[in-house]
Amino acid sequence: MAAEQSFLIECPACGIDNLLSDFTPGRSAVCNQCRETLLDPGLVDTHKGHTCDDCGMAFILKNETEFLSGESECPCGSSEFSSFEIGPFLADLQAAEVSNIAEEDTEEDDFDWCRSDPDNPLEGDYNNIFDDDPGFGR
């Protein structure tokens, strides 16, 4: 399965369905309702996976959630689904996430967001920025 895709995941904590459109590894995947982490390795024991045969959208649902190929329907209108193993799916997402983080670490330059560049002193006093506000005092 591709790492960049849309999928629906049923929250392991509150049971709310969360649609992650064009999910890319490295982004936060938390429940819209309870803020629980969605892509936990424990999903292997509690969830099952289905993918739409037409559009490829993945559905990660709790084991007790009824989902029948031929009866359940995808947002694209198809009702034909194939099962997939969640373990490899999560492993692919985690591997892609690790490679994305590694790429970000190599691109990081030596920049400190908390301090100004010592070679480029600020012109004037920092407080002058606020004192010279033309909208102040109206």
Protein backbone atom coordinates (compact mmCIF):
# COMPACT_ATOMS: atom_id res chain seq x y z
CA MET A 1 0.00 0.00 0.00
CA ALA A 2 1.11 3.51 -0.70
CA ALA A 3 2.11 5.69 2.22
CA GLU A 4 0.34 8.73 0.76
CA GLN A 5 -3.34 7.88 0.58
CA SER A 6 -6.71 8.44 2.12
CA PHE A 7 -7.89 6.13 4.83
CA LEU A 8 -10.55 5.90 7.46
CA ILE A 9 -9.57 4.69 10.91
CA GLU A 10 -11.83 3.93 13.82
CA CYS A 11 -10.34 5.44 16.99
CA PRO A 12 -9.21 2.72 19.40
CA ALA A 13 -10.26 4.85 22.40
CA CYS A 14 -13.61 6.49 21.57
CA GLY A 15 -14.70 4.65 18.40
CA ILE A 16 -15.16 7.77 16.26
CA ASP A 17 -14.36 7.34 12.55
CA ASN A 18 -11.49 9.59 11.44
CA LEU A 19 -10.91 10.27 7.75
CA LEU A 20 -7.28 11.03 6.99
CA SER A 21 -7.23 12.47 3.46
CA ASP A 22 -3.92 12.36 1.63
CA PHE A 23 -2.13 11.24 4.78
CA THR A 24 1.64 11.56 4.66
CA PRO A 25 3.97 10.02 7.23
CA GLY A 26 5.38 12.54 9.64
CA ARG A 27 2.03 14.22 10.13
CA SER A 28 0.24 13.78 13.38
CA ALA A 29 -2.48 11.14 13.31
CA VAL A 30 -4.72 11.83 16.30
CA CYS A 31 -8.45 11.36 16.82
CA ASN A 32 -10.59 14.37 15.99
CA GLN A 33 -12.73 13.69 19.07
CA CYS A 34 -10.53 12.51 21.95
CA ARG A 35 -7.01 13.33 20.60
CA GLU A 36 -5.85 9.70 21.08
CA THR A 37 -2.98 8.54 18.85
CA LEU A 38 -4.48 6.62 15.94
CA LEU A 39 -1.55 4.75 14.42
CA ASP A 40 -0.45 2.72 17.42
CA PRO A 41 1.27 -0.69 17.01
CA GLY A 42 -1.47 -2.13 19.25
CA LEU A 43 -3.92 -1.80 16.34
CA VAL A 44 -2.68 -5.17 15.09
CA ASP A 45 -4.57 -6.86 17.93
CA THR A 46 -7.70 -4.70 17.96
CA HIS A 47 -8.37 -3.67 14.36
CA LYS A 48 -8.77 -5.19 10.90
CA GLY A 49 -8.03 -3.64 7.51
CA HIS A 50 -10.00 -3.46 4.27
CA THR A 51 -9.21 -1.63 1.07
CA CYS A 52 -11.56 -0.56 -1.70
CA ASP A 53 -10.89 -2.48 -4.91
CA ASP A 54 -11.81 0.55 -7.05
CA CYS A 55 -10.22 3.61 -5.42
CA GLY A 56 -7.73 2.00 -3.00
CA MET A 57 -9.01 3.78 0.09
CA ALA A 58 -8.14 1.87 3.27
CA PHE A 59 -10.52 1.24 6.16
CA ILE A 60 -8.99 0.37 9.54
CA LEU A 61 -11.84 -0.71 11.78
CA LYS A 62 -12.23 -2.36 15.17
CA ASN A 63 -12.56 -6.14 15.04
CA GLU A 64 -16.13 -5.98 16.35
CA THR A 65 -17.24 -3.49 13.67
CA GLU A 66 -19.32 -5.24 11.03
CA PHE A 67 -17.87 -4.76 7.56
CA LEU A 68 -18.99 -6.98 4.70
CA SER A 69 -17.61 -6.97 1.17
CA GLY A 70 -20.51 -6.57 -1.21
CA GLU A 71 -22.71 -4.85 1.40
CA SER A 72 -20.57 -2.09 2.93
CA GLU A 73 -19.99 0.90 0.69
CA CYS A 74 -16.96 3.10 0.02
CA PRO A 75 -17.40 6.88 -0.50
CA CYS A 76 -16.57 6.25 -4.19
CA GLY A 77 -19.68 4.07 -4.46
CA SER A 78 -17.96 0.70 -4.74
CA SER A 79 -18.89 -2.19 -2.48
CA GLU A 80 -16.00 -4.51 -3.37
CA PHE A 81 -13.24 -4.72 -0.77
CA SER A 82 -10.16 -6.79 -0.04
CA SER A 83 -8.74 -7.52 3.40
CA PHE A 84 -5.19 -6.54 4.31
CA GLU A 85 -2.89 -7.10 7.27
CA ILE A 86 -2.53 -4.04 9.47
CA GLY A 87 0.96 -4.97 10.72
CA PRO A 88 2.74 -4.46 7.35
CA PHE A 89 0.60 -1.38 6.68
CA LEU A 90 1.75 0.24 9.96
CA ALA A 91 5.34 -0.89 9.34
CA ASP A 92 5.29 0.82 5.91
CA LEU A 93 3.97 4.04 7.44
CA GLN A 94 6.59 3.96 10.22
CA ALA A 95 9.43 3.21 7.77
CA ALA A 96 8.36 6.11 5.56
CA GLU A 97 8.06 8.35 8.64
CA VAL A 98 11.60 7.46 9.77
CA SER A 99 12.97 8.22 6.29
CA ASN A 100 11.10 11.57 6.24
CA ILE A 101 12.51 12.48 9.66
CA ALA A 102 16.03 11.48 8.54
CA GLU A 103 15.70 13.72 5.45
CA GLU A 104 14.53 16.64 7.63
CA ASP A 105 17.47 16.14 10.00
CA THR A 106 20.01 16.28 7.17
CA GLU A 107 18.46 19.47 5.77
CA GLU A 108 18.55 21.22 9.12
CA ASP A 109 20.96 24.12 9.18
CA ASP A 110 22.56 25.65 12.23
CA PHE A 111 19.84 28.18 13.01
CA ASP A 112 18.57 29.23 16.40
CA TRP A 113 15.02 30.56 16.39
CA CYS A 114 15.48 32.04 19.85
CA ARG A 115 18.45 34.25 19.13
CA SER A 116 19.13 36.79 16.44
CA ASP A 117 22.06 36.35 14.14
CA PRO A 118 25.14 37.70 16.00
CA ASP A 119 26.62 38.96 12.70
CA ASN A 120 23.53 41.01 11.92
CA PRO A 121 22.71 43.28 14.89
CA LEU A 122 19.21 44.69 15.15
CA GLU A 123 18.89 48.28 14.07
CA GLY A 124 17.80 50.45 16.97
CA ASP A 125 16.04 49.41 20.09
CA TYR A 126 13.62 46.46 20.01
CA ASN A 127 11.03 48.50 21.90
CA ASN A 128 10.99 51.08 19.09
CA ILE A 129 9.12 48.55 16.99
CA PHE A 130 6.15 48.90 19.34
CA ASP A 131 6.62 52.61 20.10
CA ASP A 132 6.44 53.48 16.40
CA ASP A 133 3.17 51.61 15.82
CA PRO A 134 0.97 53.98 13.76
CA GLY A 135 -2.22 52.27 15.00
CA PHE A 136 -1.32 52.75 18.64
CA GLY A 137 -3.25 55.43 20.53
CA ARG A 138 -6.20 55.78 18.16
